[in-house]
Amino acid sequence: MNTRQQSTQQQQLQPAGPGSTPDRPPAPVTRLKAERVQLRAEPETAALPARSIQERLERMPGWRLVARGKAVTRVRRLQDGGTAAAYATYITQLAVRAGHPVSVDVAGPRVAVTVRGRRYGGRRGGLTEEALEFARTLR
């Protein structure tokens, strides 16, 4: 055996260090076929019937039904425009975190908040229990 063969043989006999893997033959490559999957977007919760929405609105002072029953709105008058802008920012942040579509309009000390049903398949969904509960929590 020459010196080179001995050196190679010694390297092969040394245990693998931490974090290293012993030499292995490469794993066989298998080709995966891409598949198209189409999911139908459906509402997580069903839209409430008009009568049920009206019953809930009776317990939500200041809120009224708009947009053919697909949204509720409330207008608040605050101390001044700065307070109204801060309130609008607060409502917007809450809506983003909760994932609810809202519209917030500020005009001087007035803030109009509209909570809408979510969109499904490009169409505006009706009001759900979740949307009305979100609107109810807005003070």
N, C-alpha and C. Protein backbone atom coordinates (compact mmCIF):
# COMPACT_ATOMS: atom_id res chain seq x y z
N MET A 1 0.83 -1.17 0.00
CA MET A 1 0.00 0.00 0.00
C MET A 1 0.88 1.24 0.00
N ASN A 2 0.53 2.16 -0.85
CA ASN A 2 1.34 3.37 -0.86
C ASN A 2 0.75 4.38 0.13
N THR A 3 1.41 5.48 0.31
CA THR A 3 1.03 6.47 1.32
C THR A 3 -0.34 7.09 1.02
N ARG A 4 -0.62 7.29 -0.22
CA ARG A 4 -1.89 7.90 -0.59
C ARG A 4 -3.06 6.97 -0.25
N GLN A 5 -2.91 5.68 -0.51
CA GLN A 5 -3.96 4.72 -0.20
C GLN A 5 -4.17 4.62 1.30
N GLN A 6 -3.08 4.69 2.09
CA GLN A 6 -3.20 4.62 3.54
C GLN A 6 -3.95 5.85 4.07
N SER A 7 -3.65 7.02 3.52
CA SER A 7 -4.29 8.25 3.96
C SER A 7 -5.80 8.20 3.67
N THR A 8 -6.18 7.72 2.50
CA THR A 8 -7.58 7.60 2.12
C THR A 8 -8.29 6.60 3.02
N GLN A 9 -7.61 5.50 3.33
CA GLN A 9 -8.21 4.47 4.18
C GLN A 9 -8.40 5.00 5.60
N GLN A 10 -7.49 5.79 6.11
CA GLN A 10 -7.62 6.35 7.45
C GLN A 10 -8.78 7.35 7.52
N GLN A 11 -8.95 8.15 6.46
CA GLN A 11 -10.04 9.11 6.43
C GLN A 11 -11.39 8.39 6.43
N GLN A 12 -11.47 7.26 5.76
CA GLN A 12 -12.72 6.52 5.69
C GLN A 12 -13.05 5.87 7.03
N LEU A 13 -12.04 5.56 7.84
CA LEU A 13 -12.26 4.90 9.10
C LEU A 13 -12.57 5.87 10.23
N GLN A 14 -12.31 7.15 10.04
CA GLN A 14 -12.56 8.13 11.10
C GLN A 14 -14.07 8.32 11.26
N PRO A 15 -14.52 8.40 12.53
CA PRO A 15 -15.95 8.61 12.74
C PRO A 15 -16.36 10.00 12.26
N ALA A 16 -17.59 10.10 11.86
CA ALA A 16 -18.11 11.39 11.39
C ALA A 16 -18.22 12.34 12.57
N GLY A 17 -17.86 13.58 12.38
CA GLY A 17 -17.94 14.58 13.44
C GLY A 17 -19.37 15.04 13.64
N PRO A 18 -19.57 15.83 14.70
CA PRO A 18 -20.93 16.32 14.94
C PRO A 18 -21.40 17.20 13.79
N GLY A 19 -22.64 16.98 13.38
CA GLY A 19 -23.21 17.78 12.31
C GLY A 19 -22.86 17.28 10.92
N SER A 20 -21.99 16.30 10.81
CA SER A 20 -21.65 15.80 9.48
C SER A 20 -22.37 14.48 9.26
N THR A 21 -22.56 14.16 8.01
CA THR A 21 -23.21 12.90 7.67
C THR A 21 -22.24 12.05 6.88
N PRO A 22 -22.30 10.77 7.10
CA PRO A 22 -21.41 9.91 6.32
C PRO A 22 -21.81 9.98 4.85
N ASP A 23 -20.85 9.71 4.00
CA ASP A 23 -21.12 9.74 2.55
C ASP A 23 -22.15 8.68 2.21
N ARG A 24 -23.16 9.11 1.51
CA ARG A 24 -24.22 8.21 1.07
C ARG A 24 -24.41 8.40 -0.42
N PRO A 25 -24.87 7.37 -1.05
CA PRO A 25 -25.17 7.56 -2.48
C PRO A 25 -26.38 8.49 -2.60
N PRO A 26 -26.43 9.29 -3.62
CA PRO A 26 -27.55 10.22 -3.78
C PRO A 26 -28.87 9.47 -3.90
N ALA A 27 -29.91 10.06 -3.33
CA ALA A 27 -31.24 9.45 -3.40
C ALA A 27 -31.75 9.55 -4.82
N PRO A 28 -32.52 8.56 -5.24
CA PRO A 28 -33.05 8.62 -6.61
C PRO A 28 -34.02 9.79 -6.75
N VAL A 29 -33.95 10.44 -7.87
CA VAL A 29 -34.81 11.59 -8.14
C VAL A 29 -36.10 11.08 -8.77
N THR A 30 -37.21 11.46 -8.16
CA THR A 30 -38.50 11.11 -8.74
C THR A 30 -39.17 12.40 -9.18
N ARG A 31 -39.79 12.36 -10.28
CA ARG A 31 -40.46 13.53 -10.81
C ARG A 31 -41.92 13.51 -10.33
N LEU A 32 -42.32 14.65 -9.76
CA LEU A 32 -43.69 14.79 -9.31
C LEU A 32 -44.49 15.54 -10.36
N LYS A 33 -45.70 15.09 -10.56
CA LYS A 33 -46.56 15.73 -11.53
C LYS A 33 -47.36 16.82 -10.82
N ALA A 34 -47.34 18.00 -11.39
CA ALA A 34 -48.10 19.11 -10.80
C ALA A 34 -49.58 18.86 -11.04
N GLU A 35 -50.37 19.16 -10.01
CA GLU A 35 -51.82 19.00 -10.11
C GLU A 35 -52.48 20.34 -9.87
N ARG A 36 -53.55 20.57 -10.55
CA ARG A 36 -54.33 21.79 -10.32
C ARG A 36 -55.47 21.43 -9.38
N VAL A 37 -55.56 22.19 -8.35
CA VAL A 37 -56.64 21.99 -7.39
C VAL A 37 -57.45 23.27 -7.34
N GLN A 38 -58.73 23.14 -7.51
CA GLN A 38 -59.60 24.30 -7.43
C GLN A 38 -60.54 24.11 -6.26
N LEU A 39 -60.49 25.06 -5.35
CA LEU A 39 -61.37 25.01 -4.20
C LEU A 39 -62.49 26.01 -4.41
N ARG A 40 -63.65 25.63 -4.04
CA ARG A 40 -64.78 26.53 -4.17
C ARG A 40 -64.86 27.40 -2.91
N ALA A 41 -64.85 28.69 -3.11
CA ALA A 41 -64.91 29.61 -1.97
C ALA A 41 -66.35 29.70 -1.50
N GLU A 42 -66.57 29.25 -0.31
CA GLU A 42 -67.90 29.31 0.28
C GLU A 42 -67.82 30.01 1.62
N PRO A 43 -68.89 30.65 2.01
CA PRO A 43 -68.88 31.33 3.30
C PRO A 43 -68.64 30.36 4.44
N GLU A 44 -67.84 30.82 5.41
CA GLU A 44 -67.59 30.00 6.59
C GLU A 44 -68.85 29.88 7.42
N THR A 45 -69.61 30.95 7.48
CA THR A 45 -70.87 30.94 8.20
C THR A 45 -71.93 31.52 7.28
N ALA A 46 -73.12 31.03 7.43
CA ALA A 46 -74.21 31.46 6.56
C ALA A 46 -74.69 32.86 6.93
N ALA A 47 -75.17 33.56 5.92
CA ALA A 47 -75.74 34.88 6.15
C ALA A 47 -77.03 34.73 6.95
N LEU A 48 -77.27 35.68 7.82
CA LEU A 48 -78.47 35.65 8.66
C LEU A 48 -79.68 36.12 7.87
N PRO A 49 -80.86 35.58 8.16
CA PRO A 49 -82.06 36.09 7.50
C PRO A 49 -82.39 37.50 8.01
N ALA A 50 -83.14 38.25 7.20
CA ALA A 50 -83.44 39.66 7.52
C ALA A 50 -84.11 39.81 8.89
N ARG A 51 -85.02 38.92 9.22
CA ARG A 51 -85.72 39.03 10.50
C ARG A 51 -84.75 38.88 11.67
N SER A 52 -83.84 37.96 11.56
CA SER A 52 -82.84 37.75 12.61
C SER A 52 -81.93 38.96 12.76
N ILE A 53 -81.56 39.57 11.64
CA ILE A 53 -80.72 40.77 11.68
C ILE A 53 -81.47 41.90 12.39
N GLN A 54 -82.75 42.08 12.05
CA GLN A 54 -83.54 43.15 12.67
C GLN A 54 -83.65 42.94 14.18
N GLU A 55 -83.83 41.70 14.62
CA GLU A 55 -83.91 41.41 16.06
C GLU A 55 -82.61 41.78 16.76
N ARG A 56 -81.49 41.49 16.13
CA ARG A 56 -80.20 41.81 16.74
C ARG A 56 -79.95 43.31 16.75
N LEU A 57 -80.38 43.99 15.70
CA LEU A 57 -80.19 45.45 15.63
C LEU A 57 -80.98 46.18 16.72
N GLU A 58 -82.09 45.61 17.16
CA GLU A 58 -82.86 46.22 18.24
C GLU A 58 -82.05 46.28 19.53
N ARG A 59 -81.09 45.37 19.68
CA ARG A 59 -80.23 45.35 20.87
C ARG A 59 -78.91 46.08 20.64
N MET A 60 -78.78 46.76 19.50
CA MET A 60 -77.56 47.49 19.15
C MET A 60 -77.91 48.95 18.88
N PRO A 61 -78.03 49.78 19.92
CA PRO A 61 -78.44 51.17 19.72
C PRO A 61 -77.50 51.92 18.78
N GLY A 62 -78.10 52.68 17.87
CA GLY A 62 -77.32 53.51 16.96
C GLY A 62 -76.99 52.84 15.64
N TRP A 63 -77.11 51.54 15.53
CA TRP A 63 -76.80 50.82 14.29
C TRP A 63 -78.06 50.70 13.45
N ARG A 64 -77.88 50.81 12.12
CA ARG A 64 -79.02 50.62 11.22
C ARG A 64 -78.58 49.82 10.00
N LEU A 65 -79.54 49.16 9.40
CA LEU A 65 -79.29 48.29 8.25
C LEU A 65 -79.19 49.14 6.98
N VAL A 66 -78.18 48.87 6.14
CA VAL A 66 -77.98 49.59 4.87
C VAL A 66 -77.56 48.59 3.80
N ALA A 67 -77.37 49.07 2.59
CA ALA A 67 -76.87 48.27 1.46
C ALA A 67 -77.70 47.01 1.23
N ARG A 68 -79.01 47.20 1.19
CA ARG A 68 -79.94 46.09 0.95
C ARG A 68 -79.74 44.93 1.92
N GLY A 69 -79.47 45.27 3.15
CA GLY A 69 -79.34 44.25 4.19
C GLY A 69 -77.99 43.56 4.25
N LYS A 70 -77.00 44.08 3.53
CA LYS A 70 -75.69 43.45 3.53
C LYS A 70 -74.65 44.20 4.35
N ALA A 71 -75.10 45.22 5.09
CA ALA A 71 -74.19 46.00 5.93
C ALA A 71 -74.98 46.71 7.02
N VAL A 72 -74.29 47.07 8.09
CA VAL A 72 -74.87 47.89 9.14
C VAL A 72 -73.95 49.09 9.34
N THR A 73 -74.56 50.22 9.70
CA THR A 73 -73.76 51.44 9.87
C THR A 73 -74.19 52.20 11.12
N ARG A 74 -73.25 52.96 11.63
CA ARG A 74 -73.51 53.81 12.80
C ARG A 74 -72.68 55.08 12.66
N VAL A 75 -73.26 56.21 13.04
CA VAL A 75 -72.56 57.49 12.99
C VAL A 75 -72.39 57.98 14.42
N ARG A 76 -71.16 58.35 14.75
CA ARG A 76 -70.86 58.91 16.08
C ARG A 76 -70.33 60.32 15.92
N ARG A 77 -70.73 61.17 16.83
CA ARG A 77 -70.22 62.55 16.86
C ARG A 77 -69.30 62.64 18.07
N LEU A 78 -68.02 62.96 17.81
CA LEU A 78 -67.02 63.05 18.87
C LEU A 78 -66.68 64.51 19.16
N GLN A 79 -65.74 64.73 20.08
CA GLN A 79 -65.41 66.09 20.52
C GLN A 79 -64.90 66.99 19.41
N ASP A 80 -63.96 66.46 18.61
CA ASP A 80 -63.36 67.27 17.55
C ASP A 80 -62.82 66.35 16.45
N GLY A 81 -62.27 66.97 15.40
CA GLY A 81 -61.75 66.20 14.27
C GLY A 81 -60.58 65.30 14.62
N GLY A 82 -59.72 65.74 15.53
CA GLY A 82 -58.57 64.93 15.93
C GLY A 82 -59.00 63.66 16.65
N THR A 83 -59.98 63.81 17.54
CA THR A 83 -60.51 62.65 18.25
C THR A 83 -61.20 61.70 17.27
N ALA A 84 -61.92 62.28 16.30
CA ALA A 84 -62.60 61.47 15.29
C ALA A 84 -61.58 60.69 14.45
N ALA A 85 -60.48 61.34 14.07
CA ALA A 85 -59.45 60.66 13.28
C ALA A 85 -58.80 59.53 14.08
N ALA A 86 -58.55 59.77 15.37
CA ALA A 86 -57.96 58.73 16.22
C ALA A 86 -58.92 57.55 16.37
N TYR A 87 -60.21 57.84 16.54
CA TYR A 87 -61.21 56.78 16.66
C TYR A 87 -61.29 55.98 15.36
N ALA A 88 -61.26 56.66 14.21
CA ALA A 88 -61.31 55.98 12.92
C ALA A 88 -60.11 55.05 12.74
N THR A 89 -58.93 55.49 13.17
CA THR A 89 -57.74 54.66 13.09
C THR A 89 -57.88 53.43 13.98
N TYR A 90 -58.40 53.63 15.17
CA TYR A 90 -58.61 52.52 16.11
C TYR A 90 -59.57 51.48 15.52
N ILE A 91 -60.69 51.93 14.96
CA ILE A 91 -61.68 51.02 14.37
C ILE A 91 -61.07 50.26 13.20
N THR A 92 -60.31 50.95 12.37
CA THR A 92 -59.69 50.32 11.21
C THR A 92 -58.71 49.23 11.65
N GLN A 93 -57.90 49.50 12.66
CA GLN A 93 -56.96 48.50 13.16
C GLN A 93 -57.69 47.28 13.73
N LEU A 94 -58.76 47.51 14.47
CA LEU A 94 -59.55 46.39 14.99
C LEU A 94 -60.10 45.54 13.85
N ALA A 95 -60.61 46.19 12.83
CA ALA A 95 -61.21 45.47 11.71
C ALA A 95 -60.17 44.64 10.96
N VAL A 96 -59.00 45.20 10.76
CA VAL A 96 -57.94 44.47 10.07
C VAL A 96 -57.55 43.23 10.87
N ARG A 97 -57.36 43.39 12.16
CA ARG A 97 -56.99 42.25 13.01
C ARG A 97 -58.06 41.18 13.04
N ALA A 98 -59.32 41.60 13.02
CA ALA A 98 -60.44 40.65 13.07
C ALA A 98 -60.80 40.11 11.69
N GLY A 99 -60.28 40.74 10.64
CA GLY A 99 -60.57 40.28 9.28
C GLY A 99 -61.96 40.65 8.78
N HIS A 100 -62.52 41.75 9.29
CA HIS A 100 -63.85 42.19 8.88
C HIS A 100 -63.75 43.37 7.94
N PRO A 101 -64.47 43.34 6.83
CA PRO A 101 -64.47 44.51 5.95
C PRO A 101 -65.31 45.64 6.56
N VAL A 102 -64.70 46.80 6.69
CA VAL A 102 -65.40 47.97 7.21
C VAL A 102 -65.07 49.17 6.34
N SER A 103 -65.97 50.14 6.40
CA SER A 103 -65.72 51.45 5.79
C SER A 103 -65.80 52.45 6.93
N VAL A 104 -64.84 53.35 6.98
CA VAL A 104 -64.83 54.39 8.02
C VAL A 104 -64.71 55.73 7.32
N ASP A 105 -65.70 56.59 7.53
CA ASP A 105 -65.71 57.93 6.94
C ASP A 105 -65.65 58.96 8.06
N VAL A 106 -64.73 59.92 7.91
CA VAL A 106 -64.58 60.98 8.91
C VAL A 106 -64.91 62.31 8.24
N ALA A 107 -65.77 63.07 8.90
CA ALA A 107 -66.11 64.42 8.43
C ALA A 107 -66.17 65.31 9.66
N GLY A 108 -65.07 66.03 9.91
CA GLY A 108 -64.99 66.85 11.11
C GLY A 108 -65.07 65.95 12.34
N PRO A 109 -65.97 66.23 13.26
CA PRO A 109 -66.07 65.40 14.46
C PRO A 109 -66.95 64.15 14.27
N ARG A 110 -67.51 63.96 13.07
CA ARG A 110 -68.39 62.81 12.79
C ARG A 110 -67.60 61.64 12.23
N VAL A 111 -67.92 60.44 12.71
CA VAL A 111 -67.31 59.21 12.19
C VAL A 111 -68.44 58.25 11.85
N ALA A 112 -68.49 57.82 10.59
CA ALA A 112 -69.47 56.83 10.16
C ALA A 112 -68.74 55.50 9.95
N VAL A 113 -69.19 54.47 10.65
CA VAL A 113 -68.58 53.14 10.55
C VAL A 113 -69.60 52.21 9.92
N THR A 114 -69.20 51.53 8.86
CA THR A 114 -70.06 50.56 8.19
C THR A 114 -69.37 49.20 8.20
N VAL A 115 -70.03 48.21 8.78
CA VAL A 115 -69.52 46.84 8.81
C VAL A 115 -70.28 46.07 7.74
N ARG A 116 -69.54 45.43 6.85
CA ARG A 116 -70.13 44.73 5.70
C ARG A 116 -69.96 43.22 5.82
N GLY A 117 -70.76 42.53 5.04
CA GLY A 117 -70.55 41.08 4.90
C GLY A 117 -69.32 40.84 4.04
N ARG A 118 -68.71 39.71 4.21
CA ARG A 118 -67.50 39.40 3.44
C ARG A 118 -67.84 39.02 2.00
N ARG A 119 -66.84 39.10 1.13
CA ARG A 119 -67.02 38.73 -0.28
C ARG A 119 -66.71 37.26 -0.45
N TYR A 120 -67.51 36.60 -1.28
CA TYR A 120 -67.27 35.20 -1.64
C TYR A 120 -67.49 35.07 -3.14
N GLY A 121 -66.47 34.62 -3.82
CA GLY A 121 -66.59 34.45 -5.26
C GLY A 121 -66.87 35.75 -5.98
N GLY A 122 -66.33 36.86 -5.47
CA GLY A 122 -66.50 38.15 -6.10
C GLY A 122 -67.80 38.85 -5.76
N ARG A 123 -68.65 38.20 -4.97
CA ARG A 123 -69.93 38.80 -4.61
C ARG A 123 -69.94 39.11 -3.12
N ARG A 124 -70.58 40.21 -2.79
CA ARG A 124 -70.69 40.61 -1.39
C ARG A 124 -71.63 39.65 -0.67
N GLY A 125 -71.14 39.09 0.42
CA GLY A 125 -71.96 38.18 1.21
C GLY A 125 -72.88 38.95 2.14
N GLY A 126 -73.84 38.25 2.69
CA GLY A 126 -74.75 38.87 3.64
C GLY A 126 -74.12 38.99 5.01
N LEU A 127 -74.83 39.63 5.91
CA LEU A 127 -74.33 39.80 7.28
C LEU A 127 -74.41 38.47 8.02
N THR A 128 -73.37 38.18 8.75
CA THR A 128 -73.31 36.95 9.53
C THR A 128 -73.35 37.30 11.01
N GLU A 129 -73.53 36.29 11.82
CA GLU A 129 -73.50 36.47 13.28
C GLU A 129 -72.17 37.09 13.68
N GLU A 130 -71.10 36.62 13.06
CA GLU A 130 -69.75 37.12 13.37
C GLU A 130 -69.63 38.62 13.07
N ALA A 131 -70.15 39.06 11.91
CA ALA A 131 -70.06 40.47 11.54
C ALA A 131 -70.88 41.35 12.49
N LEU A 132 -72.08 40.89 12.85
CA LEU A 132 -72.89 41.67 13.78
C LEU A 132 -72.27 41.72 15.18
N GLU A 133 -71.65 40.63 15.58
CA GLU A 133 -70.98 40.63 16.90
C GLU A 133 -69.80 41.60 16.89
N PHE A 134 -69.07 41.66 15.78
CA PHE A 134 -67.97 42.61 15.66
C PHE A 134 -68.51 44.04 15.77
N ALA A 135 -69.59 44.33 15.05
CA ALA A 135 -70.18 45.67 15.09
C ALA A 135 -70.64 46.00 16.52
N ARG A 136 -71.22 45.04 17.19
CA ARG A 136 -71.72 45.27 18.55
C ARG A 136 -70.60 45.64 19.52
N THR A 137 -69.41 45.08 19.30
CA THR A 137 -68.29 45.34 20.21
C THR A 137 -67.67 46.72 20.00
N LEU A 138 -67.97 47.35 18.87
CA LEU A 138 -67.40 48.68 18.60
C LEU A 138 -68.13 49.71 19.47
N ARG A 139 -67.40 50.41 20.27
CA ARG A 139 -68.00 51.40 21.18
C ARG A 139 -67.81 52.80 20.65
